[in-house]
Amino acid sequence: MKKTDSGVPATPSVQVIERMFTLIDVLASREDAISLKEISERTGLHPSTTHRILNDLTIGRFVDRPEAGSYRLGMRLLELGNLVKARLSVRDAALLPMRELHKLIQQPVNLSVRQGDEIVYVERAYSERSGMQVVRAIGGRAPLHLTSVGKLFLAADDPQRVRAYATRTGLSGHTRNSITQLPVLERELSRARQYGSARDNEELELGVRCMAAGIYDDQDKLVAGLSISAPADRLDENWLPKLEATAREISEALGHRPPQHRP
C-alpha cells in the first residue's frame, strides 16, 4: 500500500471507509441531489452497497436524503467545517512557509492584515544577516497607501472606497517617494489588480523597498498580505515567483481554491 511521508497509509485500511470517502467525493461534485443509480455508476459500487453506506451516513447527518432515492451532502459536514474554519489562523498557517521563504532569500518576510486605514504587522521572519536597518515590529502599523500590502487591500476596494480613503487620510507622505496624489495612487492600484502583486518603492522608509502578494480565504476574500522587505538596491525581481507561491500555499491552507478550479 502506498504510504505518505509520515508513514501513514495513503488510502484507508478499512475498505468501507475508503468507499465512504468515495461516495462523499461524488456528492461533493454536484450542488444538487444525485440519484442512487448515478452514484452507484460513478463510484463503481453495487447499488445495494451504495445504499447501505449512504443510509449509515444519513443517520449521522453527513448525508441528506431530500426524497427517496436521491442524496446530497448533509448539514453535519457544514457544522464540522465551521469548527475547522474557526480554528484556522492566518498567522499559524503562514509561520512555517514564511520561514522557508526567508531561508531562500535571506531577507525579512512580513505578514500583515488590514485594520481600518492601516496595515498591522502580525508576524515576521528575519535574521540579522539581512542587512536591513529597519525591521517592522510585530504590532506596528502603517498607512495603506504607503505599503505594498496596503496597496493590495486598496486594490481590492471599489473606486468609491478608494476615493473615500484618500479624503479621510489626505494621502499624507513619509518620504519624497510617497504617493500623495489620488490619480497616481489609482494608477498604482490598477497595476496591482493587473499583476496580482504590489510594490513599495521607498514610500514608507527611504532605503527600503518591498513587494507583496495577497493571501485569500475559502471565500476568495483577501485576508492578509505577505511581503518581502529589502535594502532598495538589493530587491531582486526573481523573488516575486517565490513570494507568490508562498502566498498561494498559505491561502490553500486557509481553504482557498482559485475560482477556475472549483467544481
Protein backbone atom coordinates (compact mmCIF):
# COMPACT_ATOMS: atom_id res chain seq x y z
CA MET A 1 0.00 0.00 0.00
CA LYS A 2 1.25 3.48 -0.85
CA LYS A 3 2.40 5.49 2.16
CA THR A 4 2.68 9.19 2.91
CA ASP A 5 5.93 10.81 4.06
CA SER A 6 4.89 10.23 7.67
CA GLY A 7 4.44 6.51 7.07
CA VAL A 8 0.65 6.67 7.29
CA PRO A 9 -1.19 4.69 4.58
CA ALA A 10 -2.30 6.94 1.72
CA THR A 11 -5.60 5.05 1.50
CA PRO A 12 -7.79 3.88 4.40
CA SER A 13 -7.02 0.45 5.79
CA VAL A 14 -10.74 -0.28 6.24
CA GLN A 15 -12.48 -0.81 2.90
CA VAL A 16 -15.85 0.59 3.95
CA ILE A 17 -14.19 3.88 4.99
CA GLU A 18 -12.49 4.14 1.61
CA ARG A 19 -15.88 3.59 -0.05
CA MET A 20 -17.45 6.22 2.21
CA PHE A 21 -14.81 8.77 1.15
CA THR A 22 -15.50 7.95 -2.50
CA LEU A 23 -19.24 8.47 -2.03
CA ILE A 24 -18.71 11.82 -0.28
CA ASP A 25 -16.42 12.98 -3.11
CA VAL A 26 -19.12 12.15 -5.67
CA LEU A 27 -21.76 14.01 -3.67
CA ALA A 28 -19.39 16.99 -3.32
CA SER A 29 -19.01 17.23 -7.10
CA ARG A 30 -22.61 18.39 -7.53
CA GLU A 31 -24.66 21.09 -5.83
CA ASP A 32 -28.00 19.33 -6.33
CA ALA A 33 -29.07 15.89 -5.14
CA ILE A 34 -27.85 12.82 -7.04
CA SER A 35 -29.79 9.64 -7.64
CA LEU A 36 -28.68 6.35 -6.13
CA LYS A 37 -28.30 4.89 -9.62
CA GLU A 38 -25.91 7.67 -10.74
CA ILE A 39 -23.90 7.50 -7.52
CA SER A 40 -23.52 3.75 -7.95
CA GLU A 41 -22.39 4.15 -11.55
CA ARG A 42 -19.89 6.89 -10.78
CA THR A 43 -18.31 5.05 -7.86
CA GLY A 44 -18.40 1.60 -9.39
CA LEU A 45 -20.05 0.26 -6.24
CA HIS A 46 -23.00 -2.15 -6.32
CA PRO A 47 -26.30 -0.31 -5.72
CA SER A 48 -27.01 -2.32 -2.56
CA THR A 49 -23.58 -1.45 -1.12
CA THR A 50 -24.03 2.19 -2.08
CA HIS A 51 -27.49 2.28 -0.50
CA ARG A 52 -26.27 0.70 2.74
CA ILE A 53 -23.35 3.14 3.22
CA LEU A 54 -25.48 6.15 2.30
CA ASN A 55 -28.11 5.08 4.83
CA ASP A 56 -25.49 4.97 7.57
CA LEU A 57 -24.18 8.39 6.53
CA THR A 58 -27.74 9.72 6.60
CA ILE A 59 -28.17 8.54 10.19
CA GLY A 60 -25.07 10.54 11.13
CA ARG A 61 -26.38 13.61 9.19
CA PHE A 62 -23.33 13.52 6.92
CA VAL A 63 -25.72 12.91 4.02
CA ASP A 64 -29.28 14.17 3.44
CA ARG A 65 -31.99 12.32 1.53
CA PRO A 66 -34.31 15.09 0.22
CA GLU A 67 -36.52 12.48 -1.45
CA ALA A 68 -36.50 8.71 -1.84
CA GLY A 69 -33.60 7.52 -3.98
CA SER A 70 -31.61 10.78 -4.08
CA TYR A 71 -28.82 12.08 -1.86
CA ARG A 72 -26.74 15.19 -1.15
CA LEU A 73 -24.17 16.28 1.44
CA GLY A 74 -25.61 16.86 4.89
CA MET A 75 -25.50 19.67 7.43
CA ARG A 76 -23.19 17.78 9.77
CA LEU A 77 -20.35 18.38 7.31
CA LEU A 78 -21.09 22.11 7.40
CA GLU A 79 -21.04 22.09 11.21
CA LEU A 80 -17.70 20.29 11.27
CA GLY A 81 -16.33 22.53 8.53
CA ASN A 82 -17.20 25.63 10.55
CA LEU A 83 -15.37 24.21 13.56
CA VAL A 84 -12.25 23.66 11.44
CA LYS A 85 -12.55 27.12 9.89
CA ALA A 86 -12.83 28.73 13.33
CA ARG A 87 -9.51 27.12 14.27
CA LEU A 88 -7.73 28.35 11.19
CA SER A 89 -5.40 31.25 11.87
CA VAL A 90 -3.63 33.18 9.14
CA ARG A 91 -0.62 33.55 11.39
CA ASP A 92 -0.46 29.84 12.21
CA ALA A 93 -0.82 28.90 8.54
CA ALA A 94 1.82 31.41 7.46
CA LEU A 95 4.58 30.86 10.00
CA LEU A 96 6.39 27.85 8.52
CA PRO A 97 6.03 28.92 4.86
CA MET A 98 7.35 32.37 5.82
CA ARG A 99 10.41 30.84 7.46
CA GLU A 100 11.06 28.67 4.42
CA LEU A 101 10.84 31.70 2.15
CA HIS A 102 13.22 33.63 4.40
CA LYS A 103 15.74 30.78 4.19
CA LEU A 104 15.63 31.05 0.38
CA ILE A 105 16.05 34.81 0.08
CA GLN A 106 17.71 35.84 3.37
CA GLN A 107 15.56 38.97 3.60
CA PRO A 108 12.75 39.86 6.02
CA VAL A 109 9.34 38.34 5.22
CA ASN A 110 6.34 40.10 6.75
CA LEU A 111 2.73 39.07 7.33
CA SER A 112 0.25 41.94 7.54
CA VAL A 113 -3.51 42.38 7.86
CA ARG A 114 -5.76 45.37 7.36
CA GLN A 115 -7.28 47.27 10.25
CA GLY A 116 -9.23 50.28 9.07
CA ASP A 117 -6.98 52.64 7.12
CA GLU A 118 -3.77 50.90 8.17
CA ILE A 119 -1.99 47.62 7.88
CA VAL A 120 -0.78 45.88 11.03
CA TYR A 121 2.27 43.61 11.03
CA VAL A 122 1.27 40.36 12.73
CA GLU A 123 4.30 38.14 12.05
CA ARG A 124 7.76 38.30 10.50
CA ALA A 125 10.65 36.04 9.60
CA TYR A 126 14.06 37.68 9.53
CA SER A 127 17.67 37.43 10.64
CA GLU A 128 20.46 39.88 11.39
CA ARG A 129 22.23 38.79 8.19
CA SER A 130 19.62 40.50 6.03
CA GLY A 131 21.37 43.86 6.29
CA MET A 132 18.09 45.65 6.94
CA GLN A 133 18.39 48.69 9.19
CA VAL A 134 14.63 48.77 9.80
CA VAL A 135 12.54 45.70 10.55
CA ARG A 136 8.88 46.38 11.25
CA ALA A 137 7.94 45.24 14.72
CA ILE A 138 5.02 42.90 15.20
CA GLY A 139 2.07 45.11 16.06
CA GLY A 140 3.49 48.03 14.10
CA ARG A 141 1.17 49.98 11.83
CA ALA A 142 1.49 51.85 8.55
CA PRO A 143 -0.87 53.70 6.16
CA LEU A 144 -2.34 51.55 3.41
CA HIS A 145 -1.17 53.73 0.51
CA LEU A 146 2.48 53.72 1.63
CA THR A 147 2.92 49.94 1.80
CA SER A 148 2.89 47.10 -0.69
CA VAL A 149 0.37 45.05 1.30
CA GLY A 150 -1.79 48.11 1.92
CA LYS A 151 -1.98 48.72 -1.82
CA LEU A 152 -3.27 45.16 -2.31
CA PHE A 153 -6.12 45.89 0.11
CA LEU A 154 -6.90 49.22 -1.58
CA ALA A 155 -6.81 47.49 -4.97
CA ALA A 156 -9.48 45.09 -3.68
CA ASP A 157 -11.76 48.06 -2.86
CA ASP A 158 -14.04 49.70 -5.39
CA PRO A 159 -13.06 53.18 -6.72
CA GLN A 160 -15.55 54.97 -4.46
CA ARG A 161 -14.00 53.42 -1.35
CA VAL A 162 -10.51 54.33 -2.54
CA ARG A 163 -11.58 57.96 -3.02
CA ALA A 164 -13.15 57.96 0.44
CA TYR A 165 -9.87 56.62 1.88
CA ALA A 166 -7.94 59.40 0.12
CA THR A 167 -10.33 62.01 1.54
CA ARG A 168 -10.11 60.64 5.09
CA THR A 169 -6.33 60.32 5.18
CA GLY A 170 -5.29 63.16 2.90
CA LEU A 171 -2.74 60.69 1.44
CA SER A 172 -0.03 62.11 3.66
CA GLY A 173 3.50 61.03 2.78
CA HIS A 174 6.52 59.82 4.75
CA THR A 175 9.27 60.21 2.16
CA ARG A 176 9.92 62.05 -1.12
CA ASN A 177 8.77 58.85 -2.91
CA SER A 178 5.41 58.63 -1.14
CA ILE A 179 2.31 58.66 -3.32
CA THR A 180 0.26 61.67 -2.20
CA GLN A 181 -1.95 62.27 -5.25
CA LEU A 182 -5.12 60.24 -5.90
CA PRO A 183 -4.61 59.83 -9.70
CA VAL A 184 -1.12 58.43 -9.11
CA LEU A 185 -2.45 56.06 -6.46
CA GLU A 186 -5.25 54.92 -8.75
CA ARG A 187 -2.73 54.05 -11.47
CA GLU A 188 -0.68 52.12 -8.93
CA LEU A 189 -3.74 50.19 -7.78
CA SER A 190 -4.65 49.40 -11.38
CA ARG A 191 -1.24 47.77 -11.82
CA ALA A 192 -1.72 45.83 -8.60
CA ARG A 193 -5.04 44.47 -9.90
CA GLN A 194 -3.46 43.58 -13.24
CA TYR A 195 -0.44 41.75 -11.84
CA GLY A 196 -1.82 40.49 -8.52
CA SER A 197 1.16 41.94 -6.64
CA ALA A 198 2.16 45.36 -5.33
CA ARG A 199 5.29 47.37 -4.53
CA ASP A 200 6.57 49.93 -2.07
CA ASN A 201 9.37 51.95 -3.68
CA GLU A 202 10.91 53.65 -0.63
CA GLU A 203 7.50 55.18 0.06
CA LEU A 204 7.32 54.31 3.76
CA GLU A 205 11.05 54.33 4.56
CA LEU A 206 13.91 55.66 2.46
CA GLY A 207 16.33 52.88 1.56
CA VAL A 208 13.71 50.14 1.88
CA ARG A 209 11.71 48.59 -0.97
CA CYS A 210 9.03 45.89 -0.70
CA MET A 211 6.98 43.54 -2.85
CA ALA A 212 3.76 41.87 -1.73
CA ALA A 213 1.33 39.12 -2.69
CA GLY A 214 -2.15 38.51 -1.30
CA ILE A 215 -3.41 35.72 0.96
CA TYR A 216 -7.04 34.63 0.41
CA ASP A 217 -9.51 32.60 2.45
CA ASP A 218 -12.02 29.96 1.37
CA GLN A 219 -14.44 32.69 0.23
CA ASP A 220 -11.81 34.17 -2.13
CA LYS A 221 -11.51 37.18 0.18
CA LEU A 222 -8.19 38.98 0.69
CA VAL A 223 -7.43 38.47 4.38
CA ALA A 224 -3.70 39.23 4.63
CA GLY A 225 -0.63 40.07 2.62
CA LEU A 226 2.84 38.58 2.51
CA SER A 227 5.70 40.95 1.75
CA ILE A 228 9.46 40.90 1.30
CA SER A 229 11.43 43.90 2.53
CA ALA A 230 14.96 44.59 1.32
CA PRO A 231 17.51 47.39 1.01
CA ALA A 232 16.45 49.42 -2.02
CA ASP A 233 19.43 48.34 -4.14
CA ARG A 234 19.03 44.66 -3.24
CA LEU A 235 15.39 43.84 -4.04
CA ASP A 236 15.52 41.01 -6.56
CA GLU A 237 12.70 40.54 -9.10
CA ASN A 238 13.42 36.80 -9.08
CA TRP A 239 11.94 36.69 -5.58
CA LEU A 240 8.44 37.52 -6.81
CA PRO A 241 7.51 34.00 -8.08
CA LYS A 242 8.73 32.52 -4.77
CA LEU A 243 6.70 35.09 -2.83
CA GLU A 244 3.57 34.38 -4.88
CA ALA A 245 3.99 30.61 -4.47
CA THR A 246 4.33 31.02 -0.69
CA ALA A 247 1.22 33.22 -0.55
CA ARG A 248 -0.70 30.58 -2.54
CA GLU A 249 0.48 27.86 -0.15
CA ILE A 250 -0.82 29.83 2.84
CA SER A 251 -4.09 30.59 1.04
CA GLU A 252 -4.60 26.89 0.30
CA ALA A 253 -4.05 26.11 4.00
CA LEU A 254 -6.94 28.50 4.70
CA GLY A 255 -9.18 26.61 2.26
CA HIS A 256 -8.73 28.86 -0.77
CA ARG A 257 -9.22 27.39 -4.20
CA PRO A 258 -8.78 29.50 -7.33
CA PRO A 259 -12.22 30.12 -8.93
CA GLN A 260 -11.29 28.34 -12.17
CA HIS A 261 -10.51 25.14 -10.26
CA ARG A 262 -13.79 24.93 -8.35
CA PRO A 263 -16.33 22.29 -9.41
